[in-house]
Amino acid sequence: MIGTDELLAKGGLGIVDENLYVDVRSAKNELVLRKGDKWSGRSAHSAELVIFFEGKVWLPGDLPDGFDLAEAVVISFERDRIRFFDFRKGSGGYYRRR
């Protein structure tokens, strides 16, 4: 099952990998990237799907040439949880929003 393992966030951040974290307390759909860079999307009350590929966050309709799903992480912001699946590792889970 994809995204059925509940993980616990620490300090409001849930780790996806060493370069990507989800912010479970933000008023927006938000990711924290390496070096503290942030990506913000819609309101946390709005569903949103993004893809992390080559160190950047992409919207599904705006993927770069050479996109390879096997090298990407898919993040689904939902009403009460944030799910992710890392195709590079073949694993994923979800964090509850706080």
N, C-alpha and C. Protein backbone atom coordinates (compact mmCIF):
# COMPACT_ATOMS: atom_id res chain seq x y z
N MET A 1 0.85 -1.18 0.00
CA MET A 1 0.00 0.00 0.00
C MET A 1 0.88 1.24 0.00
N ILE A 2 0.55 2.16 -0.86
CA ILE A 2 1.31 3.41 -0.96
C ILE A 2 0.75 4.43 0.02
N GLY A 3 1.63 5.02 0.80
CA GLY A 3 1.24 6.11 1.68
C GLY A 3 0.35 5.72 2.84
N THR A 4 0.46 4.48 3.33
CA THR A 4 -0.38 4.06 4.44
C THR A 4 0.35 4.10 5.79
N ASP A 5 1.65 4.32 5.76
CA ASP A 5 2.43 4.37 7.00
C ASP A 5 2.42 5.78 7.56
N GLU A 6 1.89 5.92 8.78
CA GLU A 6 1.89 7.24 9.42
C GLU A 6 3.24 7.49 10.07
N LEU A 7 3.80 8.65 9.76
CA LEU A 7 5.08 9.06 10.32
C LEU A 7 4.84 10.24 11.26
N LEU A 8 5.74 10.46 12.19
CA LEU A 8 5.59 11.54 13.16
C LEU A 8 6.52 12.69 12.83
N ALA A 9 5.95 13.88 12.73
CA ALA A 9 6.74 15.08 12.48
C ALA A 9 7.35 15.56 13.79
N LYS A 10 8.49 16.19 13.69
CA LYS A 10 9.16 16.73 14.88
C LYS A 10 9.35 18.23 14.67
N GLY A 11 8.88 19.03 15.62
CA GLY A 11 9.01 20.47 15.50
C GLY A 11 8.23 21.05 14.34
N GLY A 12 7.17 20.35 13.91
CA GLY A 12 6.35 20.82 12.81
C GLY A 12 6.83 20.42 11.43
N LEU A 13 7.97 19.72 11.36
CA LEU A 13 8.51 19.29 10.08
C LEU A 13 8.54 17.77 9.99
N GLY A 14 8.14 17.26 8.84
CA GLY A 14 8.22 15.84 8.58
C GLY A 14 9.27 15.60 7.51
N ILE A 15 10.17 14.68 7.77
CA ILE A 15 11.27 14.43 6.82
C ILE A 15 10.82 13.46 5.72
N VAL A 16 11.11 13.85 4.51
CA VAL A 16 10.92 12.97 3.36
C VAL A 16 12.29 12.38 3.00
N ASP A 17 13.30 13.25 2.89
CA ASP A 17 14.70 12.83 2.79
C ASP A 17 15.57 13.99 3.28
N GLU A 18 16.88 13.86 3.17
CA GLU A 18 17.77 14.88 3.71
C GLU A 18 17.66 16.22 3.02
N ASN A 19 16.99 16.29 1.89
CA ASN A 19 16.84 17.53 1.13
C ASN A 19 15.40 18.03 1.05
N LEU A 20 14.47 17.33 1.70
CA LEU A 20 13.06 17.65 1.53
C LEU A 20 12.27 17.34 2.80
N TYR A 21 11.55 18.37 3.29
CA TYR A 21 10.72 18.25 4.48
C TYR A 21 9.35 18.83 4.18
N VAL A 22 8.31 18.32 4.85
CA VAL A 22 6.97 18.90 4.75
C VAL A 22 6.69 19.66 6.04
N ASP A 23 6.05 20.81 5.92
CA ASP A 23 5.68 21.61 7.08
C ASP A 23 4.23 21.29 7.40
N VAL A 24 3.99 20.60 8.51
CA VAL A 24 2.64 20.16 8.85
C VAL A 24 1.84 21.22 9.60
N ARG A 25 2.47 22.32 9.98
CA ARG A 25 1.79 23.38 10.73
C ARG A 25 1.51 24.64 9.92
N SER A 26 2.04 24.73 8.73
CA SER A 26 1.89 25.94 7.92
C SER A 26 0.44 26.16 7.50
N ALA A 27 0.07 27.43 7.32
CA ALA A 27 -1.26 27.78 6.83
C ALA A 27 -1.37 27.54 5.33
N LYS A 28 -0.25 27.22 4.69
CA LYS A 28 -0.22 26.90 3.26
C LYS A 28 0.36 25.51 3.09
N ASN A 29 0.20 24.96 1.91
CA ASN A 29 0.90 23.73 1.55
C ASN A 29 2.36 24.15 1.39
N GLU A 30 3.24 23.60 2.22
CA GLU A 30 4.61 24.12 2.23
C GLU A 30 5.64 23.02 2.38
N LEU A 31 6.72 23.17 1.61
CA LEU A 31 7.86 22.28 1.67
C LEU A 31 9.09 23.09 2.05
N VAL A 32 9.99 22.47 2.81
CA VAL A 32 11.27 23.08 3.13
C VAL A 32 12.34 22.27 2.41
N LEU A 33 13.12 22.95 1.58
CA LEU A 33 14.15 22.31 0.78
C LEU A 33 15.51 22.50 1.45
N ARG A 34 16.53 21.87 0.90
CA ARG A 34 17.88 22.00 1.45
C ARG A 34 18.26 23.47 1.58
N LYS A 35 19.11 23.75 2.50
CA LYS A 35 19.59 25.10 2.77
C LYS A 35 18.48 26.05 3.22
N GLY A 36 17.35 25.50 3.66
CA GLY A 36 16.28 26.33 4.20
C GLY A 36 15.38 27.00 3.18
N ASP A 37 15.59 26.76 1.88
CA ASP A 37 14.69 27.31 0.87
C ASP A 37 13.31 26.73 1.09
N LYS A 38 12.28 27.52 0.78
CA LYS A 38 10.90 27.06 0.97
C LYS A 38 10.11 27.17 -0.33
N TRP A 39 9.17 26.26 -0.46
CA TRP A 39 8.17 26.33 -1.53
C TRP A 39 6.82 26.40 -0.85
N SER A 40 5.99 27.34 -1.27
CA SER A 40 4.63 27.47 -0.74
C SER A 40 3.63 27.38 -1.87
N GLY A 41 2.56 26.68 -1.62
CA GLY A 41 1.51 26.53 -2.60
C GLY A 41 0.22 27.16 -2.12
N ARG A 42 -0.86 26.46 -2.37
CA ARG A 42 -2.20 26.93 -1.99
C ARG A 42 -2.40 26.91 -0.48
N SER A 43 -3.56 27.36 -0.06
CA SER A 43 -3.96 27.29 1.34
C SER A 43 -3.95 25.83 1.80
N ALA A 44 -3.63 25.60 3.06
CA ALA A 44 -3.60 24.24 3.61
C ALA A 44 -4.97 23.55 3.53
N HIS A 45 -6.03 24.32 3.30
CA HIS A 45 -7.37 23.74 3.17
C HIS A 45 -7.64 23.23 1.75
N SER A 46 -6.70 23.50 0.82
CA SER A 46 -6.87 23.12 -0.58
C SER A 46 -5.99 21.92 -0.92
N ALA A 47 -6.56 20.96 -1.62
CA ALA A 47 -5.78 19.82 -2.09
C ALA A 47 -4.81 20.29 -3.18
N GLU A 48 -3.62 19.68 -3.18
CA GLU A 48 -2.61 20.07 -4.16
C GLU A 48 -1.62 18.93 -4.33
N LEU A 49 -1.17 18.70 -5.56
CA LEU A 49 -0.20 17.67 -5.86
C LEU A 49 1.03 18.32 -6.47
N VAL A 50 2.22 17.98 -5.97
CA VAL A 50 3.46 18.51 -6.53
C VAL A 50 4.46 17.37 -6.66
N ILE A 51 5.50 17.63 -7.45
CA ILE A 51 6.53 16.63 -7.70
C ILE A 51 7.89 17.25 -7.42
N PHE A 52 8.70 16.57 -6.63
CA PHE A 52 10.05 17.01 -6.32
C PHE A 52 10.99 16.24 -7.24
N PHE A 53 11.71 16.97 -8.10
CA PHE A 53 12.57 16.35 -9.10
C PHE A 53 13.76 17.27 -9.35
N GLU A 54 14.95 16.71 -9.33
CA GLU A 54 16.19 17.45 -9.56
C GLU A 54 16.33 18.65 -8.62
N GLY A 55 15.92 18.48 -7.36
CA GLY A 55 16.09 19.52 -6.36
C GLY A 55 15.10 20.66 -6.43
N LYS A 56 14.06 20.52 -7.27
CA LYS A 56 13.05 21.57 -7.43
C LYS A 56 11.66 20.99 -7.28
N VAL A 57 10.71 21.87 -6.97
CA VAL A 57 9.30 21.49 -6.86
C VAL A 57 8.60 21.87 -8.17
N TRP A 58 7.88 20.92 -8.74
CA TRP A 58 7.21 21.11 -10.02
C TRP A 58 5.72 20.82 -9.87
N LEU A 59 4.91 21.53 -10.60
CA LEU A 59 3.49 21.20 -10.71
C LEU A 59 3.34 20.15 -11.81
N PRO A 60 2.37 19.25 -11.70
CA PRO A 60 2.23 18.17 -12.67
C PRO A 60 2.17 18.62 -14.14
N GLY A 61 1.55 19.74 -14.43
CA GLY A 61 1.44 20.20 -15.82
C GLY A 61 2.63 20.98 -16.31
N ASP A 62 3.68 21.09 -15.50
CA ASP A 62 4.82 21.94 -15.84
C ASP A 62 6.14 21.19 -15.66
N LEU A 63 6.17 19.90 -15.93
CA LEU A 63 7.37 19.09 -15.74
C LEU A 63 8.42 19.39 -16.80
N PRO A 64 9.69 19.31 -16.42
CA PRO A 64 10.76 19.63 -17.37
C PRO A 64 10.99 18.52 -18.39
N ASP A 65 11.64 18.88 -19.49
CA ASP A 65 12.08 17.86 -20.44
C ASP A 65 13.02 16.91 -19.71
N GLY A 66 12.95 15.66 -20.02
CA GLY A 66 13.81 14.68 -19.38
C GLY A 66 13.29 14.19 -18.04
N PHE A 67 12.05 14.56 -17.70
CA PHE A 67 11.48 14.11 -16.43
C PHE A 67 11.47 12.59 -16.37
N ASP A 68 11.85 12.05 -15.20
CA ASP A 68 11.89 10.61 -14.98
C ASP A 68 11.25 10.32 -13.63
N LEU A 69 10.08 9.72 -13.62
CA LEU A 69 9.36 9.44 -12.38
C LEU A 69 10.19 8.60 -11.42
N ALA A 70 11.06 7.75 -11.93
CA ALA A 70 11.89 6.91 -11.08
C ALA A 70 12.88 7.72 -10.25
N GLU A 71 13.05 9.00 -10.58
CA GLU A 71 13.96 9.89 -9.86
C GLU A 71 13.21 10.99 -9.12
N ALA A 72 11.93 10.79 -8.86
CA ALA A 72 11.09 11.85 -8.30
C ALA A 72 10.39 11.42 -7.01
N VAL A 73 9.89 12.43 -6.29
CA VAL A 73 9.05 12.23 -5.12
C VAL A 73 7.73 12.94 -5.40
N VAL A 74 6.62 12.25 -5.21
CA VAL A 74 5.29 12.85 -5.39
C VAL A 74 4.74 13.18 -4.00
N ILE A 75 4.27 14.42 -3.85
CA ILE A 75 3.72 14.87 -2.57
C ILE A 75 2.27 15.30 -2.79
N SER A 76 1.37 14.74 -2.00
CA SER A 76 -0.05 15.05 -2.10
C SER A 76 -0.50 15.75 -0.82
N PHE A 77 -0.83 17.03 -0.95
CA PHE A 77 -1.36 17.79 0.19
C PHE A 77 -2.86 17.57 0.23
N GLU A 78 -3.33 16.99 1.31
CA GLU A 78 -4.75 16.69 1.47
C GLU A 78 -5.28 17.41 2.70
N ARG A 79 -6.58 17.38 2.91
CA ARG A 79 -7.20 18.14 3.99
C ARG A 79 -6.58 17.90 5.35
N ASP A 80 -6.40 16.64 5.72
CA ASP A 80 -5.91 16.34 7.07
C ASP A 80 -4.56 15.63 7.11
N ARG A 81 -3.96 15.42 5.95
CA ARG A 81 -2.65 14.76 5.91
C ARG A 81 -1.87 15.16 4.67
N ILE A 82 -0.59 14.87 4.74
CA ILE A 82 0.30 15.11 3.60
C ILE A 82 0.95 13.77 3.28
N ARG A 83 0.63 13.23 2.12
CA ARG A 83 1.17 11.93 1.71
C ARG A 83 2.35 12.16 0.76
N PHE A 84 3.26 11.21 0.74
CA PHE A 84 4.35 11.28 -0.22
C PHE A 84 4.77 9.87 -0.61
N PHE A 85 5.33 9.78 -1.81
CA PHE A 85 5.94 8.53 -2.24
C PHE A 85 7.22 8.87 -2.98
N ASP A 86 8.32 8.29 -2.52
CA ASP A 86 9.64 8.51 -3.10
C ASP A 86 9.92 7.35 -4.06
N PHE A 87 9.81 7.63 -5.35
CA PHE A 87 10.02 6.59 -6.35
C PHE A 87 11.48 6.16 -6.42
N ARG A 88 12.40 7.00 -5.94
CA ARG A 88 13.82 6.64 -5.93
C ARG A 88 14.08 5.52 -4.95
N LYS A 89 13.37 5.53 -3.83
CA LYS A 89 13.56 4.54 -2.77
C LYS A 89 12.47 3.47 -2.75
N GLY A 90 11.36 3.73 -3.43
CA GLY A 90 10.25 2.78 -3.42
C GLY A 90 9.51 2.76 -2.10
N SER A 91 9.46 3.91 -1.43
CA SER A 91 8.78 3.96 -0.13
C SER A 91 8.09 5.31 0.06
N GLY A 92 7.19 5.35 1.01
CA GLY A 92 6.47 6.58 1.29
C GLY A 92 5.71 6.47 2.59
N GLY A 93 4.85 7.43 2.81
CA GLY A 93 4.05 7.46 4.02
C GLY A 93 3.24 8.74 4.07
N TYR A 94 2.79 9.09 5.28
CA TYR A 94 2.05 10.34 5.41
C TYR A 94 2.27 10.94 6.79
N TYR A 95 2.07 12.25 6.83
CA TYR A 95 2.11 13.02 8.08
C TYR A 95 0.73 13.64 8.27
N ARG A 96 0.24 13.64 9.49
CA ARG A 96 -1.01 14.33 9.79
C ARG A 96 -0.72 15.81 9.91
N ARG A 97 -1.65 16.62 9.40
CA ARG A 97 -1.53 18.07 9.57
C ARG A 97 -1.85 18.41 11.02
N ARG A 98 -1.25 19.42 11.52
CA ARG A 98 -1.47 19.85 12.91
C ARG A 98 -2.17 21.19 12.95
